[in-house]
Amino acid sequence: MRFLFKSDTWQEIFSSISKNRVRTLLTVIGVLWGIFVYIAMSGAAKGLDNGFERQFETVAMNSLFAWSQSTSKPYKGFRTGRRIQLRLGDIDVLKKRIPEIQYIAPRNATGVFGGSPALTVRGQKSGSYNVYGDFPVYTKIATKKIYDGGRFINEMDIEESRRVCVIGERTKTELFEDEEEAIGSFIRINDIYFRIVGVHKFVPGGGFESDSDIFIPFTTFNKLYNKGDDVDFMSIAAFDDADIVKVEEDVKTVLKSIHNVDPTDDRAFGSFNLGEIFGQVRGFANGLTFLSLIIGAATILAGVIGIGNILLISVKERTKELGVRRALGATPAEVRNLILLESVFLTLVSGLLGIILGAATLNLVNNLTEGSDFPYTNPTVPIPYVVGALALMVILGTLIGLIPAQRAVSIKPIDALREE
């Protein structure tokens, strides 16, 4: 250890480096680039993963949405082009036949899917907004953040078909004065009075609704629009360990059997599989991380080999000097340690510079994308991974340094002194 703290040792190392500045700089850049690529690509993959989760932070990861369309094939006497109508009874059948389903929320809506928004009036102010008929279970799939003092639809609202509603914060802004309390007040939706029981916060990218949507009990919605037990679409959440793609296929298969649809008819029911998209994004991010590991390791190895080559050349150029050191009493271990220390020093400096440059790049990209709609946020690489990469570099630098170090040790003083 004393060897490390001798000023003569470091003077010799810096003297050797300064003699071949351009060659050393190019090699250092090679090693630096390897860990920079690893840090940048791994961080970018994590940022993409974080960004996508932020975009849909209030929606269950393993979820999908299903709705009915028109048949494209005749079946059991039914003609092509028959419009399928989902029913409340379908929910119980799906739960019984598909055990992977954790929650199902039947939903109705006006103002979406080509419908007309509902005219909503309060005093002299009015506006047209999308209205959803929902069950309380919907918040198990897509969380709604409600302002203090309010609530979402509950079971009593459903059972008694209460005329209550939850409005969006933009709706409150447009229909109420700034300091006016909305909760407990009444608004008129399509000439029917509803009492406001909650105001939901707007979460950017937090689902498919907007900051102006109004939610009312499902049973109240169906009475208001005379829909009986019709269901417009379903939000479905599977258990975390379930294969969401298979769940989607099973849902369509069960719905086809319920509504007498040809099993090969792929157009009778539509769906949007959010869980599958999550899986694809995470797969891409994991692939990018793995690719960064491979590319980074290969680049680091190439750079470290370059350091070894530089030291071999350096040893060759310093043959006479090393021979004199041996003749003056330097032990083989001292000569070997000198070359190894130079190798480790160059590798460590290159690694630290690469980490700093990679972290600065990730921070710059994060600042540029912050506040934008691009799904990218907080690109980071876990500290243990960074330390592990740096440790790998030092180990490789040590191993590569053994080659020129052994070459230096093998120099005989008498042979070195004969060289001119």
Protein backbone atom coordinates (compact mmCIF):
# COMPACT_ATOMS: atom_id res chain seq x y z
CA MET A 1 0.00 0.00 0.00
CA ARG A 2 2.94 2.37 0.62
CA PHE A 3 3.65 2.14 -3.07
CA LEU A 4 0.34 3.93 -3.79
CA PHE A 5 1.21 6.95 -1.69
CA LYS A 6 4.73 7.57 -2.95
CA SER A 7 5.03 10.79 -4.93
CA ASP A 8 7.71 9.21 -7.14
CA THR A 9 5.22 6.56 -8.25
CA TRP A 10 2.65 9.07 -9.45
CA GLN A 11 5.31 11.28 -11.01
CA GLU A 12 6.43 8.35 -13.14
CA ILE A 13 2.82 7.50 -14.08
CA PHE A 14 2.01 11.08 -15.13
CA SER A 15 5.33 11.37 -16.93
CA SER A 16 4.55 8.23 -18.93
CA ILE A 17 1.04 9.50 -19.77
CA SER A 18 2.28 12.96 -20.78
CA LYS A 19 4.79 11.49 -23.23
CA ASN A 20 1.93 9.96 -25.27
CA ARG A 21 -0.89 12.44 -24.72
CA VAL A 22 -2.76 12.00 -28.00
CA ARG A 23 -2.54 8.23 -27.93
CA THR A 24 -3.61 8.12 -24.29
CA LEU A 25 -6.47 10.57 -24.85
CA LEU A 26 -7.90 8.53 -27.73
CA THR A 27 -7.77 5.36 -25.66
CA VAL A 28 -9.38 7.05 -22.67
CA ILE A 29 -12.20 8.27 -24.93
CA GLY A 30 -12.74 4.68 -26.07
CA VAL A 31 -13.22 3.46 -22.50
CA LEU A 32 -15.22 6.56 -21.55
CA TRP A 33 -17.56 6.03 -24.49
CA GLY A 34 -18.35 2.49 -23.39
CA ILE A 35 -19.66 3.39 -19.95
CA PHE A 36 -21.31 6.54 -21.35
CA VAL A 37 -23.31 4.40 -23.82
CA TYR A 38 -24.33 2.06 -21.01
CA ILE A 39 -25.42 4.89 -18.69
CA ALA A 40 -27.23 6.82 -21.44
CA MET A 41 -29.12 3.86 -22.94
CA SER A 42 -30.03 2.27 -19.59
CA GLY A 43 -31.21 5.61 -18.25
CA ALA A 44 -33.21 6.27 -21.41
CA ALA A 45 -34.93 2.88 -21.08
CA LYS A 46 -35.82 3.61 -17.44
CA GLY A 47 -37.04 7.09 -18.38
CA LEU A 48 -39.32 5.61 -21.04
CA ASP A 49 -40.68 3.06 -18.58
CA ASN A 50 -41.26 5.75 -15.93
CA GLY A 51 -42.85 8.07 -18.46
CA PHE A 52 -45.34 5.50 -19.64
CA GLU A 53 -46.28 4.64 -16.07
CA ARG A 54 -46.80 8.35 -15.37
CA GLN A 55 -49.03 8.68 -18.42
CA PHE A 56 -51.36 6.01 -17.05
CA GLU A 57 -50.59 6.14 -13.35
CA THR A 58 -54.24 6.00 -12.35
CA VAL A 59 -55.12 3.04 -14.57
CA ALA A 60 -54.52 -0.61 -13.62
CA MET A 61 -51.48 -1.94 -15.47
CA ASN A 62 -53.07 -5.27 -16.39
CA SER A 63 -56.30 -3.89 -17.81
CA LEU A 64 -58.27 -3.79 -21.04
CA PHE A 65 -61.45 -2.27 -22.47
CA ALA A 66 -64.03 -4.18 -24.50
CA TRP A 67 -67.10 -3.09 -26.45
CA SER A 68 -69.54 -4.52 -28.97
CA GLN A 69 -69.64 -3.84 -32.71
CA SER A 70 -71.40 -5.45 -35.67
CA THR A 71 -71.00 -9.02 -36.84
CA SER A 72 -69.13 -9.71 -40.07
CA LYS A 73 -70.34 -13.30 -40.53
CA PRO A 74 -73.77 -14.97 -40.44
CA TYR A 75 -74.30 -17.46 -37.63
CA LYS A 76 -77.21 -19.66 -36.40
CA GLY A 77 -79.70 -17.90 -38.63
CA PHE A 78 -78.52 -14.40 -37.74
CA ARG A 79 -77.50 -12.19 -40.64
CA THR A 80 -74.25 -10.38 -41.23
CA GLY A 81 -74.07 -6.82 -39.87
CA ARG A 82 -76.11 -7.58 -36.75
CA ARG A 83 -75.40 -5.01 -34.04
CA ILE A 84 -74.43 -6.66 -30.74
CA GLN A 85 -75.59 -5.10 -27.50
CA LEU A 86 -73.74 -5.85 -24.27
CA ARG A 87 -75.90 -6.44 -21.19
CA LEU A 88 -75.38 -6.28 -17.44
CA GLY A 89 -75.89 -10.04 -17.26
CA ASP A 90 -72.73 -10.51 -19.34
CA ILE A 91 -70.66 -9.33 -16.37
CA ASP A 92 -71.55 -12.27 -14.12
CA VAL A 93 -70.95 -14.77 -16.93
CA LEU A 94 -67.50 -13.32 -17.64
CA LYS A 95 -66.54 -13.44 -13.96
CA LYS A 96 -67.61 -17.09 -13.64
CA ARG A 97 -65.91 -18.29 -16.82
CA ILE A 98 -62.68 -16.30 -16.60
CA PRO A 99 -61.10 -16.64 -13.13
CA GLU A 100 -58.16 -14.40 -14.14
CA ILE A 101 -60.47 -11.38 -14.07
CA GLN A 102 -60.16 -9.34 -10.88
CA TYR A 103 -62.57 -6.49 -11.60
CA ILE A 104 -65.15 -5.68 -14.27
CA ALA A 105 -66.77 -2.26 -14.49
CA PRO A 106 -69.69 -1.94 -16.94
CA ARG A 107 -69.92 1.62 -18.22
CA ASN A 108 -72.26 3.81 -20.22
CA ALA A 109 -71.45 7.20 -21.63
CA THR A 110 -72.78 10.05 -23.70
CA GLY A 111 -70.58 12.49 -25.56
CA VAL A 112 -68.03 9.83 -26.50
CA PHE A 113 -67.95 7.29 -29.35
CA GLY A 114 -69.72 9.77 -31.60
CA GLY A 115 -72.48 10.69 -29.13
CA SER A 116 -73.55 14.18 -28.14
CA PRO A 117 -72.34 15.72 -24.86
CA ALA A 118 -74.98 16.48 -22.26
CA LEU A 119 -76.12 20.07 -21.80
CA THR A 120 -75.34 21.00 -18.21
CA VAL A 121 -76.76 24.15 -16.60
CA ARG A 122 -76.21 25.96 -13.33
CA GLY A 123 -77.93 29.30 -12.92
CA GLN A 124 -76.96 31.46 -15.87
CA LYS A 125 -73.96 29.33 -16.80
CA SER A 126 -74.01 26.26 -18.99
CA GLY A 127 -71.79 23.90 -20.94
CA SER A 128 -71.80 20.59 -22.76
CA TYR A 129 -69.89 17.76 -21.10
CA ASN A 130 -69.38 14.03 -21.42
CA VAL A 131 -71.40 12.06 -18.88
CA TYR A 132 -70.46 8.57 -17.69
CA GLY A 133 -72.67 6.09 -15.88
CA ASP A 134 -70.46 4.12 -13.52
CA PHE A 135 -70.32 1.62 -10.68
CA PRO A 136 -68.04 2.19 -7.64
CA VAL A 137 -65.86 -0.73 -8.82
CA TYR A 138 -64.60 1.45 -11.65
CA THR A 139 -62.24 3.20 -9.22
CA LYS A 140 -60.53 -0.17 -8.64
CA ILE A 141 -59.46 -0.09 -12.28
CA ALA A 142 -58.97 3.63 -12.87
CA THR A 143 -58.42 5.61 -9.69
CA LYS A 144 -60.20 8.93 -9.40
CA LYS A 145 -58.57 11.60 -7.26
CA ILE A 146 -61.34 13.47 -5.50
CA TYR A 147 -60.87 16.84 -3.82
CA ASP A 148 -61.16 16.89 -0.03
CA GLY A 149 -64.73 16.85 1.23
CA GLY A 150 -66.06 14.94 -1.76
CA ARG A 151 -66.47 11.33 -2.84
CA PHE A 152 -67.09 9.13 -5.87
CA ILE A 153 -70.22 7.10 -6.64
CA ASN A 154 -71.05 4.55 -3.90
CA GLU A 155 -73.23 1.45 -3.63
CA MET A 156 -76.20 3.32 -2.11
CA ASP A 157 -76.19 5.66 -5.10
CA ILE A 158 -76.48 2.59 -7.34
CA GLU A 159 -79.16 0.82 -5.33
CA GLU A 160 -81.37 3.90 -4.99
CA SER A 161 -80.55 5.35 -8.43
CA ARG A 162 -79.68 8.61 -6.76
CA ARG A 163 -79.37 11.79 -8.74
CA VAL A 164 -75.88 12.59 -7.62
CA CYS A 165 -72.80 13.35 -9.68
CA VAL A 166 -69.06 13.88 -9.58
CA ILE A 167 -67.88 16.72 -11.79
CA GLY A 168 -64.46 17.58 -13.20
CA GLU A 169 -62.41 20.50 -11.97
CA ARG A 170 -62.80 22.30 -15.30
CA THR A 171 -66.56 21.86 -15.09
CA LYS A 172 -66.44 23.46 -11.64
CA THR A 173 -64.37 26.34 -12.98
CA GLU A 174 -66.82 26.98 -15.83
CA LEU A 175 -70.05 26.67 -13.82
CA PHE A 176 -69.01 28.11 -10.44
CA GLU A 177 -67.32 31.26 -9.18
CA ASP A 178 -63.76 30.97 -7.84
CA GLU A 179 -64.61 30.93 -4.14
CA GLU A 180 -67.95 29.17 -4.53
CA GLU A 181 -68.39 25.70 -3.01
CA ALA A 182 -69.49 23.09 -5.54
CA ILE A 183 -70.06 20.07 -3.30
CA GLY A 184 -73.68 20.01 -2.14
CA SER A 185 -74.80 22.32 -4.94
CA PHE A 186 -77.13 21.30 -7.77
CA ILE A 187 -76.64 21.30 -11.52
CA ARG A 188 -79.09 20.39 -14.25
CA ILE A 189 -78.06 17.65 -16.70
CA ASN A 190 -80.48 17.33 -19.63
CA ASP A 191 -83.11 19.11 -17.50
CA ILE A 192 -82.67 16.70 -14.56
CA TYR A 193 -81.28 18.10 -11.30
CA PHE A 194 -78.24 16.37 -9.79
CA ARG A 195 -76.52 17.08 -6.48
CA ILE A 196 -72.74 17.32 -6.67
CA VAL A 197 -71.02 14.93 -4.23
CA GLY A 198 -67.45 15.27 -5.47
CA VAL A 199 -65.03 17.09 -7.76
CA HIS A 200 -62.36 14.95 -9.41
CA LYS A 201 -58.87 16.25 -9.99
CA PHE A 202 -57.35 16.26 -13.42
CA VAL A 203 -54.29 14.02 -13.77
CA PRO A 204 -52.36 14.60 -17.03
CA GLY A 205 -52.32 11.36 -18.94
CA GLY A 206 -54.15 9.66 -16.08
CA GLY A 207 -56.60 7.64 -18.13
CA PHE A 208 -58.99 8.36 -20.96
CA GLU A 209 -61.37 10.85 -19.37
CA SER A 210 -60.85 14.59 -19.34
CA ASP A 211 -60.97 17.28 -16.67
CA SER A 212 -64.56 18.19 -17.53
CA ASP A 213 -66.27 14.78 -17.43
CA ILE A 214 -69.25 14.14 -15.19
CA PHE A 215 -69.84 10.80 -13.47
CA ILE A 216 -73.27 9.64 -12.28
CA PRO A 217 -74.54 6.29 -10.93
CA PHE A 218 -74.88 3.63 -13.65
CA THR A 219 -78.50 2.90 -12.71
CA THR A 220 -79.38 6.59 -12.79
CA PHE A 221 -77.75 6.96 -16.21
CA ASN A 222 -79.74 4.06 -17.65
CA LYS A 223 -83.01 5.50 -16.37
CA LEU A 224 -82.13 8.96 -17.63
CA TYR A 225 -81.36 7.66 -21.11
CA ASN A 226 -83.84 4.75 -21.07
CA LYS A 227 -81.16 2.13 -21.63
CA GLY A 228 -82.59 -0.70 -19.53
CA ASP A 229 -79.69 -3.04 -18.73
CA ASP A 230 -77.62 -2.05 -21.78
CA VAL A 231 -73.87 -1.61 -21.40
CA ASP A 232 -71.83 0.51 -23.81
CA PHE A 233 -68.42 -0.88 -22.88
CA MET A 234 -66.50 -2.60 -20.09
CA SER A 235 -63.32 -1.81 -18.19
CA ILE A 236 -61.64 -5.03 -17.11
CA ALA A 237 -58.65 -5.56 -14.80
CA ALA A 238 -56.95 -8.93 -14.54
CA PHE A 239 -54.81 -10.17 -11.67
CA ASP A 240 -51.18 -9.06 -11.86
CA ASP A 241 -49.89 -12.53 -12.73
CA ALA A 242 -52.50 -13.15 -15.44
CA ASP A 243 -51.71 -13.19 -19.16
CA ILE A 244 -53.69 -10.15 -20.27
CA VAL A 245 -53.55 -11.13 -23.93
CA LYS A 246 -55.16 -14.49 -23.14
CA VAL A 247 -57.73 -12.74 -20.92
CA GLU A 248 -58.65 -10.51 -23.85
CA GLU A 249 -59.11 -13.54 -26.12
CA ASP A 250 -61.18 -15.32 -23.45
CA VAL A 251 -63.41 -12.28 -22.95
CA LYS A 252 -64.21 -12.14 -26.65
CA THR A 253 -64.77 -15.91 -26.80
CA VAL A 254 -67.23 -15.79 -23.89
CA LEU A 255 -69.06 -12.78 -25.32
CA LYS A 256 -69.38 -14.52 -28.68
CA SER A 257 -70.95 -17.55 -27.02
CA ILE A 258 -73.37 -15.38 -25.02
CA HIS A 259 -74.53 -13.38 -28.04
CA ASN A 260 -74.55 -16.19 -30.65
CA VAL A 261 -71.66 -14.86 -32.71
CA ASP A 262 -69.51 -16.98 -35.03
CA PRO A 263 -66.36 -17.98 -33.04
CA THR A 264 -64.23 -16.93 -36.04
CA ASP A 265 -65.83 -13.48 -36.31
CA ASP A 266 -63.09 -11.04 -35.31
CA ARG A 267 -65.11 -7.88 -35.87
CA ALA A 268 -68.09 -8.43 -33.59
CA PHE A 269 -66.27 -7.13 -30.51
CA GLY A 270 -63.64 -4.45 -30.20
CA SER A 271 -61.01 -4.09 -27.51
CA PHE A 272 -58.09 -2.01 -26.37
CA ASN A 273 -55.53 -3.93 -24.36
CA LEU A 274 -53.67 -1.46 -22.16
CA GLY A 275 -51.88 -4.27 -20.33
CA GLU A 276 -50.42 -5.58 -23.58
CA ILE A 277 -49.12 -2.11 -24.44
CA PHE A 278 -47.56 -1.83 -20.99
CA GLY A 279 -45.90 -5.19 -21.56
CA GLN A 280 -44.56 -4.14 -24.95
CA VAL A 281 -43.16 -0.89 -23.58
CA ARG A 282 -41.51 -2.69 -20.67
CA GLY A 283 -40.19 -5.35 -23.03
CA PHE A 284 -38.71 -2.63 -25.22
CA ALA A 285 -37.20 -0.90 -22.19
CA ASN A 286 -35.72 -4.17 -20.92
CA GLY A 287 -34.37 -4.93 -24.38
CA LEU A 288 -32.83 -1.48 -24.58
CA THR A 289 -31.22 -1.99 -21.17
CA PHE A 290 -29.82 -5.36 -22.23
CA LEU A 291 -28.58 -3.90 -25.51
CA SER A 292 -26.89 -1.07 -23.63
CA LEU A 293 -25.19 -3.64 -21.41
CA ILE A 294 -23.87 -5.60 -24.40
CA ILE A 295 -22.74 -2.53 -26.36
CA GLY A 296 -21.29 -0.86 -23.28
CA ALA A 297 -19.38 -3.98 -22.20
CA ALA A 298 -18.00 -4.53 -25.71
CA THR A 299 -16.94 -0.89 -26.00
CA ILE A 300 -15.39 -0.90 -22.53
CA LEU A 301 -13.50 -4.10 -23.33
CA ALA A 302 -12.21 -2.62 -26.59
CA GLY A 303 -11.11 0.51 -24.76
CA VAL A 304 -9.42 -1.42 -21.97
CA ILE A 305 -7.57 -3.53 -24.54
CA GLY A 306 -6.44 -0.25 -26.08
CA ILE A 307 -5.03 0.76 -22.69
CA GLY A 308 -3.17 -2.54 -22.56
CA ASN A 309 -1.70 -1.89 -26.01
CA ILE A 310 -0.60 1.60 -24.97
CA LEU A 311 1.14 0.18 -21.92
CA LEU A 312 2.85 -2.51 -24.00
CA ILE A 313 4.22 0.20 -26.28
CA SER A 314 5.16 2.26 -23.26
CA VAL A 315 7.02 -0.68 -21.73
CA LYS A 316 8.85 -1.19 -25.02
CA GLU A 317 9.82 2.48 -25.15
CA ARG A 318 10.91 2.42 -21.50
CA THR A 319 12.97 -0.75 -21.70
CA LYS A 320 16.23 0.98 -20.82
CA GLU A 321 14.61 2.96 -17.99
CA LEU A 322 13.08 -0.18 -16.49
CA GLY A 323 16.38 -1.99 -16.81
CA VAL A 324 18.14 0.77 -14.89
CA ARG A 325 15.47 0.54 -12.16
CA ARG A 326 16.06 -3.19 -11.90
CA ALA A 327 19.82 -2.70 -11.81
CA LEU A 328 19.45 -0.18 -8.99
CA GLY A 329 17.56 -2.68 -6.89
CA ALA A 330 13.86 -2.35 -7.91
CA THR A 331 12.08 -5.62 -7.24
CA PRO A 332 9.91 -7.33 -9.89
CA ALA A 333 6.83 -6.59 -7.71
CA GLU A 334 7.58 -2.85 -7.73
CA VAL A 335 7.92 -2.78 -11.51
CA ARG A 336 4.76 -4.86 -11.95
CA ASN A 337 2.76 -2.67 -9.55
CA LEU A 338 3.88 0.48 -11.37
CA ILE A 339 2.48 -0.73 -14.70
CA LEU A 340 -0.69 -2.16 -13.10
CA LEU A 341 -1.35 1.09 -11.25
CA GLU A 342 -1.04 3.05 -14.47
CA SER A 343 -3.54 0.71 -16.16
CA VAL A 344 -6.05 0.91 -13.30
CA PHE A 345 -5.64 4.69 -13.05
CA LEU A 346 -6.41 5.26 -16.74
CA THR A 347 -9.38 2.88 -16.58
CA LEU A 348 -10.81 4.47 -13.42
CA VAL A 349 -10.46 8.03 -14.73
CA SER A 350 -12.11 7.01 -18.01
CA GLY A 351 -14.97 5.34 -16.15
CA LEU A 352 -15.63 8.30 -13.86
CA LEU A 353 -15.63 10.72 -16.78
CA GLY A 354 -18.03 8.46 -18.67
CA ILE A 355 -20.39 8.29 -15.69
CA ILE A 356 -20.35 12.07 -15.24
CA LEU A 357 -20.99 12.64 -18.95
CA GLY A 358 -23.78 10.05 -19.03
CA ALA A 359 -25.49 11.52 -15.95
CA ALA A 360 -25.24 15.03 -17.41
CA THR A 361 -26.78 13.86 -20.69
CA LEU A 362 -29.69 12.13 -18.92
CA ASN A 363 -30.32 15.26 -16.84
CA LEU A 364 -30.32 17.42 -19.96
CA VAL A 365 -32.79 15.14 -21.76
CA ASN A 366 -35.01 15.04 -18.67
CA ASN A 367 -35.07 18.85 -18.49
CA LEU A 368 -35.92 19.10 -22.19
CA THR A 369 -38.83 16.62 -21.93
CA GLU A 370 -40.14 17.78 -18.54
CA GLY A 371 -43.62 19.19 -18.84
CA SER A 372 -44.13 17.80 -22.34
CA ASP A 373 -46.58 15.11 -23.44
CA PHE A 374 -43.72 12.81 -24.38
CA PRO A 375 -43.82 9.73 -22.09
CA TYR A 376 -40.38 10.18 -20.58
CA THR A 377 -39.47 11.10 -17.02
CA ASN A 378 -36.76 10.64 -14.39
CA PRO A 379 -34.19 8.68 -16.48
CA THR A 380 -31.95 7.04 -13.90
CA VAL A 381 -29.60 4.09 -13.54
CA PRO A 382 -29.50 2.38 -10.12
CA ILE A 383 -26.33 3.23 -8.18
CA PRO A 384 -25.41 -0.47 -7.69
CA TYR A 385 -25.45 -0.92 -11.49
CA VAL A 386 -23.17 2.09 -11.97
CA VAL A 387 -20.78 0.90 -9.26
CA GLY A 388 -20.87 -2.59 -10.76
CA ALA A 389 -19.98 -1.26 -14.21
CA LEU A 390 -17.13 0.78 -12.75
CA ALA A 391 -15.87 -2.22 -10.77
CA LEU A 392 -15.96 -4.33 -13.93
CA MET A 393 -13.88 -1.70 -15.70
CA VAL A 394 -11.28 -1.69 -12.93
CA ILE A 395 -11.11 -5.48 -12.94
CA LEU A 396 -10.68 -5.55 -16.71
CA GLY A 397 -8.09 -2.79 -16.47
CA THR A 398 -6.18 -4.82 -13.89
CA LEU A 399 -6.32 -8.01 -15.93
CA ILE A 400 -5.27 -6.25 -19.13
CA GLY A 401 -2.53 -4.43 -17.24
CA LEU A 402 -1.00 -7.77 -16.22
CA ILE A 403 0.19 -8.34 -19.78
CA PRO A 404 2.43 -5.24 -20.08
CA ALA A 405 3.33 -5.59 -16.39
CA GLN A 406 4.61 -9.12 -16.94
CA ARG A 407 6.45 -7.91 -20.03
CA ALA A 408 8.15 -5.24 -17.90
CA VAL A 409 9.10 -7.77 -15.20
CA SER A 410 10.61 -10.10 -17.79
CA ILE A 411 13.12 -7.45 -18.91
CA LYS A 412 16.63 -8.39 -17.76
CA PRO A 413 18.76 -5.47 -16.56
CA ILE A 414 21.75 -6.49 -18.66
CA ASP A 415 19.63 -6.71 -21.85
CA ALA A 416 17.93 -3.39 -21.14
CA LEU A 417 21.26 -1.60 -20.62
CA ARG A 418 22.52 -2.83 -24.00
CA GLU A 419 19.58 -1.18 -25.83
CA GLU A 420 20.15 2.20 -27.42
